Protein backbone atom coordinates (compact mmCIF):
# COMPACT_ATOMS: atom_id res chain seq x y z
CA MET A 1 0.00 0.00 0.00
CA ASN A 2 1.09 3.59 -0.62
CA ASN A 3 -0.10 6.57 1.44
CA GLU A 4 -3.69 6.02 0.33
CA ILE A 5 -6.00 4.24 2.78
CA PRO A 6 -7.99 1.87 0.53
CA LEU A 7 -11.57 0.83 1.15
CA SER A 8 -10.46 -2.79 1.46
CA TYR A 9 -7.24 -4.79 1.24
CA PRO A 10 -6.84 -8.58 1.27
CA ASP A 11 -4.94 -10.20 4.14
CA ILE A 12 -2.39 -12.30 2.23
CA THR A 13 0.55 -13.86 4.05
CA GLU A 14 3.66 -15.71 2.91
CA ASP A 15 1.97 -18.94 4.02
CA ASP A 16 -0.90 -18.16 1.67
CA ILE A 17 1.51 -17.59 -1.20
CA ARG A 18 3.36 -20.83 -0.43
CA ALA A 19 0.05 -22.74 -0.38
CA VAL A 20 -0.80 -21.50 -3.87
CA THR A 21 2.70 -22.23 -5.10
CA ARG A 22 2.53 -25.81 -3.80
CA SER A 23 -0.74 -26.25 -5.63
CA LEU A 24 0.77 -25.00 -8.87
CA ARG A 25 3.73 -27.35 -8.52
CA SER A 26 1.50 -30.35 -7.80
CA GLY A 27 0.32 -30.54 -11.39
CA ARG A 28 -3.30 -30.96 -10.21
CA LEU A 29 -5.03 -27.69 -10.99
CA SER A 30 -8.72 -28.63 -11.01
CA ILE A 31 -11.10 -30.86 -9.01
CA GLY A 32 -8.50 -32.18 -6.62
CA PRO A 33 -7.56 -32.49 -2.95
CA GLN A 34 -7.33 -28.75 -2.25
CA LEU A 35 -10.94 -28.24 -3.33
CA GLU A 36 -12.10 -31.18 -1.23
CA GLU A 37 -10.29 -29.84 1.83
CA PHE A 38 -11.60 -26.32 1.36
CA GLU A 39 -15.14 -27.65 1.03
CA ARG A 40 -14.67 -29.66 4.21
CA LEU A 41 -13.31 -26.70 6.19
CA VAL A 42 -16.08 -24.28 5.21
CA ALA A 43 -18.86 -26.83 5.72
CA LEU A 44 -17.42 -27.76 9.11
CA HIS A 45 -17.26 -24.13 10.21
CA ALA A 46 -20.88 -23.55 9.19
CA GLY A 47 -21.99 -26.76 10.88
CA ARG A 48 -23.15 -28.27 7.58
CA THR A 49 -22.60 -31.69 6.04
CA TYR A 50 -21.61 -30.75 2.50
CA GLY A 51 -19.63 -27.99 0.82
CA ILE A 52 -19.62 -27.37 -2.93
CA GLY A 53 -16.94 -24.97 -4.12
CA VAL A 54 -17.83 -22.66 -7.03
CA ASN A 55 -16.13 -19.78 -8.79
CA SER A 56 -18.20 -17.01 -7.15
CA GLY A 57 -20.91 -16.41 -4.60
CA THR A 58 -23.18 -15.34 -7.46
CA ALA A 59 -22.66 -18.70 -9.17
CA GLY A 60 -23.52 -20.40 -5.89
CA LEU A 61 -26.82 -18.50 -5.60
CA HIS A 62 -27.65 -19.36 -9.21
CA LEU A 63 -27.02 -23.07 -8.65
CA ALA A 64 -28.97 -23.07 -5.38
CA LEU A 65 -32.09 -21.83 -7.15
CA LEU A 66 -31.59 -24.25 -10.03
CA ALA A 67 -31.20 -27.15 -7.61
CA LEU A 68 -34.48 -26.16 -5.92
CA GLY A 69 -36.25 -26.23 -9.29
CA VAL A 70 -37.01 -22.50 -9.40
CA GLY A 71 -37.89 -21.31 -12.88
CA PRO A 72 -40.23 -19.29 -15.11
CA GLY A 73 -43.55 -18.44 -13.50
CA ASP A 74 -42.12 -18.69 -9.98
CA GLU A 75 -41.54 -15.87 -7.53
CA VAL A 76 -38.60 -15.51 -5.15
CA ILE A 77 -38.64 -13.07 -2.23
CA THR A 78 -35.41 -11.08 -1.82
CA PRO A 79 -34.23 -7.82 -0.19
CA ALA A 80 -34.37 -4.49 -1.98
CA PHE A 81 -31.31 -3.48 0.06
CA SER A 82 -28.48 -5.84 -0.89
CA PHE A 83 -25.81 -6.42 -3.50
CA ILE A 84 -27.48 -6.87 -6.89
CA ALA A 85 -26.50 -10.56 -7.16
CA SER A 86 -29.23 -11.35 -4.60
CA ALA A 87 -31.75 -10.45 -7.31
CA ASN A 88 -29.80 -11.26 -10.47
CA CYS A 89 -29.68 -14.95 -9.57
CA ILE A 90 -33.50 -14.99 -9.64
CA VAL A 91 -33.61 -13.43 -13.10
CA TYR A 92 -30.99 -15.95 -14.30
CA VAL A 93 -33.45 -18.82 -13.76
CA GLY A 94 -36.36 -16.95 -15.34
CA ALA A 95 -38.23 -16.31 -12.09
CA THR A 96 -39.56 -13.00 -10.77
CA PRO A 97 -37.86 -11.19 -7.86
CA VAL A 98 -40.29 -9.95 -5.22
CA PHE A 99 -38.55 -7.24 -3.21
CA VAL A 100 -38.97 -6.54 0.50
CA ASP A 101 -38.08 -3.36 2.38
CA CYS A 102 -35.45 -3.41 5.12
CA ASP A 103 -35.56 -2.99 8.87
CA PRO A 104 -34.03 0.42 9.75
CA ARG A 105 -31.87 -1.05 12.53
CA SER A 106 -30.49 -4.34 11.21
CA LEU A 107 -30.89 -3.44 7.49
CA ASN A 108 -32.13 -7.00 6.88
CA MET A 109 -35.62 -7.80 5.60
CA ARG A 110 -38.51 -7.19 7.98
CA ILE A 111 -40.10 -10.57 8.74
CA LYS A 112 -43.68 -9.27 8.67
CA ASP A 113 -43.03 -7.82 5.21
CA VAL A 114 -41.62 -11.12 3.98
CA GLU A 115 -44.74 -12.93 5.15
CA SER A 116 -46.99 -10.38 3.45
CA LYS A 117 -45.29 -11.09 0.09
CA ILE A 118 -45.80 -14.87 0.15
CA THR A 119 -48.18 -16.13 -2.55
CA GLU A 120 -48.92 -19.45 -4.18
CA LYS A 121 -46.19 -18.59 -6.70
CA THR A 122 -43.47 -18.16 -4.05
CA LYS A 123 -40.91 -20.88 -4.70
CA ALA A 124 -38.03 -19.67 -2.48
CA ILE A 125 -36.87 -16.93 -0.13
CA ILE A 126 -33.38 -15.44 -0.35
CA GLY A 127 -32.33 -14.22 3.09
CA VAL A 128 -29.31 -11.92 3.14
CA GLU A 129 -27.16 -11.12 6.17
CA VAL A 130 -26.59 -7.54 5.07
CA PHE A 131 -23.00 -6.50 5.85
CA GLY A 132 -22.71 -9.82 7.74
CA ASN A 133 -25.46 -9.11 10.29
CA PRO A 134 -27.54 -12.26 11.02
CA ALA A 135 -30.29 -10.41 12.92
CA HIS A 136 -33.75 -11.96 12.33
CA MET A 137 -32.33 -14.96 10.44
CA ASN A 138 -33.70 -17.41 13.01
CA GLU A 139 -37.17 -15.91 12.57
CA LEU A 140 -36.82 -16.01 8.79
CA ALA A 141 -35.83 -19.69 8.94
CA GLN A 142 -38.86 -20.41 11.13
CA LEU A 143 -41.13 -18.57 8.69
CA SER A 144 -39.79 -20.55 5.74
CA ARG A 145 -40.39 -23.83 7.56
CA ARG A 146 -43.91 -22.82 8.55
CA TYR A 147 -44.82 -22.07 4.94
CA GLU A 148 -42.68 -24.95 3.58
CA ILE A 149 -40.81 -22.56 1.31
CA PRO A 150 -37.06 -23.19 0.96
CA LEU A 151 -34.77 -20.53 2.40
CA VAL A 152 -31.58 -19.81 0.44
CA GLU A 153 -29.22 -18.05 2.81
CA ASP A 154 -27.11 -15.48 1.00
CA ALA A 155 -24.26 -15.61 3.51
CA CYS A 156 -21.74 -14.08 1.10
CA GLU A 157 -20.96 -11.23 3.51
CA GLY A 158 -21.01 -13.10 6.80
CA LEU A 159 -18.50 -15.93 7.14
CA GLY A 160 -17.60 -16.36 10.81
CA GLY A 161 -20.57 -14.49 12.26
CA ARG A 162 -23.32 -15.99 14.37
CA SER A 163 -26.63 -15.32 16.04
CA GLY A 164 -26.57 -16.84 19.51
CA ASN A 165 -24.98 -20.24 18.97
CA ASP A 166 -26.09 -20.49 15.33
CA GLN A 167 -23.38 -19.89 12.75
CA ILE A 168 -24.04 -17.84 9.66
CA GLY A 169 -24.48 -20.46 6.94
CA SER A 170 -26.61 -22.74 9.11
CA PHE A 171 -30.02 -21.12 8.55
CA GLY A 172 -31.02 -21.94 4.97
CA ARG A 173 -31.87 -25.15 3.15
CA LEU A 174 -28.78 -24.09 1.27
CA ALA A 175 -26.39 -21.27 2.15
CA VAL A 176 -23.84 -19.54 -0.05
CA PHE A 177 -20.57 -17.85 0.95
CA GLY A 178 -18.49 -15.51 -1.19
CA PHE A 179 -14.71 -15.05 -1.18
CA TYR A 180 -14.13 -11.91 -3.23
CA PRO A 181 -10.97 -9.97 -2.18
CA ASN A 182 -12.91 -7.63 0.15
CA LYS A 183 -14.48 -10.47 2.14
CA GLN A 184 -13.34 -11.88 5.50
CA ILE A 185 -11.29 -14.52 3.68
CA THR A 186 -10.52 -14.53 0.00
CA THR A 187 -9.78 -17.03 -2.73
CA GLY A 188 -9.31 -14.19 -5.23
CA GLU A 189 -12.61 -15.15 -6.82
CA GLY A 190 -14.76 -17.92 -5.41
CA GLY A 191 -17.77 -19.09 -3.49
CA MET A 192 -19.14 -22.04 -1.54
CA ILE A 193 -22.56 -23.66 -1.27
CA VAL A 194 -23.22 -25.50 1.99
CA THR A 195 -26.15 -27.77 2.80
CA ASP A 196 -27.20 -30.87 4.73
CA ASP A 197 -29.26 -32.23 1.82
CA ASP A 198 -27.33 -34.88 -0.09
CA ARG A 199 -29.59 -34.67 -3.15
CA LEU A 200 -29.14 -30.91 -3.45
CA ALA A 201 -25.40 -31.24 -2.83
CA ASP A 202 -25.03 -33.84 -5.60
CA LEU A 203 -27.07 -31.73 -8.02
CA CYS A 204 -25.09 -28.55 -7.31
CA ARG A 205 -21.85 -30.47 -7.67
CA SER A 206 -23.00 -31.73 -11.07
CA LEU A 207 -24.34 -28.39 -12.27
CA ARG A 208 -21.08 -26.57 -11.47
CA ASN A 209 -19.22 -29.02 -13.74
CA HIS A 210 -21.19 -28.92 -17.02
CA GLY A 211 -23.86 -31.29 -15.71
CA ARG A 212 -21.48 -34.20 -15.20
CA VAL A 213 -22.28 -36.64 -12.44
CA ASP A 214 -19.50 -37.73 -10.08
CA HIS A 215 -18.62 -41.26 -11.22
CA SER A 216 -15.19 -41.31 -9.58
CA SER A 217 -16.01 -44.08 -7.09
CA LYS A 218 -14.36 -47.50 -7.21
CA SER A 219 -16.15 -50.68 -8.11
CA GLU A 220 -16.05 -53.79 -5.90
CA ASN A 221 -12.98 -55.10 -7.71
CA GLY A 222 -11.15 -51.80 -7.14
CA THR A 223 -11.30 -50.46 -10.69
CA SER A 224 -12.39 -46.92 -11.48
CA ASN A 225 -15.96 -46.34 -12.52
CA GLU A 226 -15.21 -43.04 -14.24
CA LEU A 227 -14.06 -44.45 -17.61
CA GLY A 228 -16.20 -43.11 -20.42
CA THR A 229 -18.17 -40.76 -18.17
CA TRP A 230 -16.16 -37.52 -18.39
CA LEU A 231 -18.02 -36.47 -21.54
CA SER A 232 -21.40 -37.75 -20.32
CA HIS A 233 -23.72 -35.02 -19.05
CA ASP A 234 -26.93 -35.70 -17.15
CA HIS A 235 -27.93 -32.03 -16.87
CA ILE A 236 -27.51 -28.73 -18.68
CA GLY A 237 -24.71 -27.47 -16.49
CA TYR A 238 -22.24 -24.62 -16.15
CA ASN A 239 -18.52 -24.04 -15.89
CA TYR A 240 -18.66 -22.81 -12.29
CA ARG A 241 -15.73 -24.83 -10.93
CA LEU A 242 -13.31 -23.46 -8.32
CA SER A 243 -9.69 -24.19 -9.26
CA GLU A 244 -7.19 -25.97 -7.02
CA CYS A 245 -5.10 -22.78 -6.74
CA HIS A 246 -8.07 -20.77 -5.51
CA ALA A 247 -9.02 -23.56 -3.12
CA ALA A 248 -5.45 -23.79 -1.80
CA LEU A 249 -5.56 -20.09 -0.94
CA GLY A 250 -8.94 -20.67 0.70
CA CYS A 251 -7.59 -23.51 2.86
CA SER A 252 -4.69 -21.37 4.02
CA GLN A 253 -7.01 -18.47 4.81
CA MET A 254 -9.47 -20.71 6.68
CA ASN A 255 -6.63 -21.77 8.96
CA ARG A 256 -6.36 -18.10 10.03
CA LEU A 257 -10.09 -17.30 10.09
CA ASP A 258 -10.28 -16.69 13.85
CA GLU A 259 -7.28 -14.36 13.72
CA ILE A 260 -8.71 -12.47 10.73
CA ILE A 261 -12.09 -12.04 12.41
CA GLU A 262 -10.42 -10.84 15.61
CA GLN A 263 -8.56 -8.15 13.69
CA ARG A 264 -11.72 -7.01 11.90
CA GLN A 265 -13.45 -6.86 15.28
CA ARG A 266 -10.66 -4.60 16.51
CA VAL A 267 -11.06 -2.23 13.57
CA ALA A 268 -14.86 -2.06 13.97
CA ALA A 269 -14.56 -1.43 17.72
CA SER A 270 -12.11 1.41 17.07
CA TYR A 271 -14.48 3.05 14.59
CA THR A 272 -17.39 2.69 17.01
CA ARG A 273 -15.47 4.28 19.89
CA ARG A 274 -14.30 7.12 17.69
CA LEU A 275 -17.67 7.93 16.08
CA LEU A 276 -20.18 7.05 18.79
CA ALA A 277 -20.48 10.58 20.20
CA ASN A 278 -21.20 12.26 16.86
CA PRO A 279 -24.97 12.92 16.73
CA ASP A 280 -24.96 13.11 12.92
CA ILE A 281 -23.45 9.63 12.46
CA ILE A 282 -25.53 6.47 12.88
CA ILE A 283 -23.15 3.60 13.61
CA PRO A 284 -24.11 -0.02 12.85
CA THR A 285 -26.69 -1.48 15.22
CA ILE A 286 -25.68 -4.90 16.54
CA GLU A 287 -28.10 -6.88 18.69
CA PRO A 288 -26.71 -8.31 21.98
CA ASP A 289 -26.85 -11.96 20.81
CA VAL A 290 -25.18 -11.21 17.45
CA PHE A 291 -21.48 -11.78 16.80
CA MET A 292 -20.30 -9.87 13.73
CA SER A 293 -17.34 -10.90 11.62
CA TRP A 294 -17.47 -7.47 9.90
CA PHE A 295 -17.49 -7.57 6.13
CA VAL A 296 -17.62 -3.76 5.90
CA TYR A 297 -18.10 -0.88 8.34
CA VAL A 298 -20.98 1.22 7.03
CA ILE A 299 -22.16 4.35 8.80
CA ARG A 300 -25.26 6.39 7.98
CA LEU A 301 -25.59 10.16 8.06
CA SER A 302 -28.46 11.74 9.97
CA ASP A 303 -31.41 13.02 7.97
CA ARG A 304 -29.92 16.53 8.10
CA PHE A 305 -27.79 15.36 5.19
CA THR A 306 -29.09 14.78 1.68
CA PHE A 307 -28.12 12.30 -1.01
CA PHE A 308 -26.01 15.04 -2.63
CA ASP A 309 -24.34 15.86 0.70
CA ARG A 310 -23.40 12.20 1.12
CA ASP A 311 -21.86 12.00 -2.34
CA THR A 312 -19.94 15.23 -1.70
CA ILE A 313 -18.53 13.76 1.51
CA ILE A 314 -17.49 10.55 -0.25
CA ASP A 315 -15.80 12.59 -2.97
CA GLY A 316 -14.00 14.62 -0.30
CA LEU A 317 -12.76 11.49 1.45
CA ARG A 318 -11.44 10.09 -1.80
CA ARG A 319 -9.70 13.37 -2.68
CA HIS A 320 -7.92 13.10 0.68
CA ASP A 321 -6.78 9.53 -0.15
CA VAL A 322 -9.37 7.80 2.03
CA GLY A 323 -11.29 4.98 0.36
CA ALA A 324 -15.07 5.32 0.76
CA SER A 325 -18.20 4.23 -1.07
CA ASN A 326 -21.97 4.11 -0.92
CA TYR A 327 -23.45 0.72 0.12
CA PHE A 328 -25.89 -0.27 -1.44
CA PRO A 329 -27.98 1.50 -4.11
CA PRO A 330 -31.53 0.07 -4.00
CA ILE A 331 -31.72 -2.90 -6.34
CA HIS A 332 -35.24 -2.06 -7.53
CA LEU A 333 -34.03 1.34 -8.78
CA GLN A 334 -31.13 -0.07 -10.80
CA PRO A 335 -31.86 0.49 -14.51
CA PRO A 336 -32.49 -3.18 -15.49
CA TYR A 337 -35.05 -3.64 -12.70
CA ARG A 338 -36.82 -0.38 -13.42
CA SER A 339 -37.12 -1.27 -17.09
CA MET A 340 -38.04 -4.96 -16.62
CA PHE A 341 -40.42 -4.65 -13.68
CA GLY A 342 -41.50 -1.01 -13.58
CA TYR A 343 -40.18 -0.11 -10.13
CA LYS A 344 -40.01 3.57 -9.22
CA PRO A 345 -38.78 5.77 -6.37
CA GLY A 346 -40.97 5.45 -3.29
CA ASP A 347 -41.71 1.73 -3.72
CA PHE A 348 -39.46 0.79 -0.77
CA PRO A 349 -39.05 3.97 1.25
CA VAL A 350 -36.93 2.66 4.14
CA CYS A 351 -34.39 1.10 1.79
CA GLU A 352 -34.28 4.24 -0.34
CA SER A 353 -33.87 6.60 2.62
CA ILE A 354 -31.07 4.55 4.16
CA SER A 355 -29.32 4.01 0.86
CA GLU A 356 -29.09 7.76 0.26
CA ARG A 357 -27.06 8.29 3.44
CA THR A 358 -24.70 5.29 3.73
CA ILE A 359 -20.92 5.58 3.66
CA ALA A 360 -18.63 2.55 3.78
CA LEU A 361 -15.35 3.33 5.53
CA PRO A 362 -12.05 1.46 5.06
CA MET A 363 -12.20 -2.03 6.59
CA PHE A 364 -9.34 -4.53 6.53
CA THR A 365 -7.19 -6.34 9.07
CA ARG A 366 -4.04 -4.22 8.77
CA LEU A 367 -5.78 -0.90 9.34
CA THR A 368 -3.97 0.86 12.19
CA ASP A 369 -5.47 3.02 14.94
CA ARG A 370 -3.63 6.01 13.47
CA GLU A 371 -5.24 5.37 10.09
CA ILE A 372 -8.66 4.93 11.70
CA ASP A 373 -8.22 8.29 13.45
CA LEU A 374 -7.28 9.87 10.12
CA VAL A 375 -10.34 8.37 8.41
CA CYS A 376 -12.66 9.63 11.16
CA GLN A 377 -11.09 13.09 11.28
CA THR A 378 -11.38 13.44 7.52
CA LEU A 379 -14.99 12.25 7.59
CA GLU A 380 -15.95 14.77 10.27
CA VAL A 381 -14.15 17.61 8.50
CA MET A 382 -16.07 16.83 5.29
CA MET A 383 -19.33 16.77 7.27
CA MET A 384 -18.53 20.11 8.93
CA ARG A 385 -17.83 21.68 5.53
CA ILE A 386 -21.34 20.69 4.43
CA THR A 387 -22.81 22.21 7.60
CA PHE A 388 -20.81 25.47 7.31
CA SER A 389 -21.73 25.86 3.65
CA ARG A 390 -25.39 26.16 4.70
CA ASP A 391 -24.77 28.88 7.29
């Protein structure tokens, strides 16, 4: 890093680099022991039976819906306030996204609003732990069981977090993690589906690999059963495999997950202490029984500040070499969703109001207290400039 404080920065060690190098030198670069071990580690951490490694969290969400048989004519309930992949995966399978507004404290979907959107066409619910916050996920899981509608847990932002004793990744019929470079651990690009359902696990494993079925078992006489099956395809599948090199990095990172989460906790606690007294900054609300692994640290400005004020502050932070961004624009107001489904401003007012005033601050393990102080000082100076300009 130079003098700039980036919005995120991956925690890569020499051990991580050596793990990838060993994988490269092994000669086995796809569908091998590193992938199997990474799948085992992530599934074990989430308390699930099976892990299916894929090349992105988005691919994992797509396969989860395909495995559940979601398709044209079906509806899937999903948050309006989330990363756009939480809705795109629904469109991929030809179904219709049904958006739900967010709770102003947790930023997750309000359970009563989810229930009000359930119809005879509802084929699945996508529950997102926004910014890694699992608040209300237990209630959402209970709701899905009561209505016998599968819950797909979009856990892409929450690896390592929990609600009470329940790990993020344990709530849905299937759950999906993401390992993009800004996440708690990274594989560069990658994702993981976890589930306890062997049928769904087998189907996802096949669909990620062009629809091939795993015929790699041994027969009773010890010979391989895979001969002649590599070019046999039982499903219309996809090239969503996670390579051995990516998986090797994932294994190495998983071995340091507790340490990484501890460091992200430290950074979040420092921000909270520094910003808590500012009446114009709304810090993240974390319920007492929630343990956050902190994907990002997103503050909200008070309603004294407008959408244009927020963008001016972000621009000012960036001009002073501090990484910052808005998180997230409402999905329903993104151009494809406005044109395809006719959404307009005012359809989900809580989401829209919150989205206009969010600022993501730098969040990564190596962020120092001095850098956090600099970020907070710069933020408050930019806010004061807005206030003075009105006087």
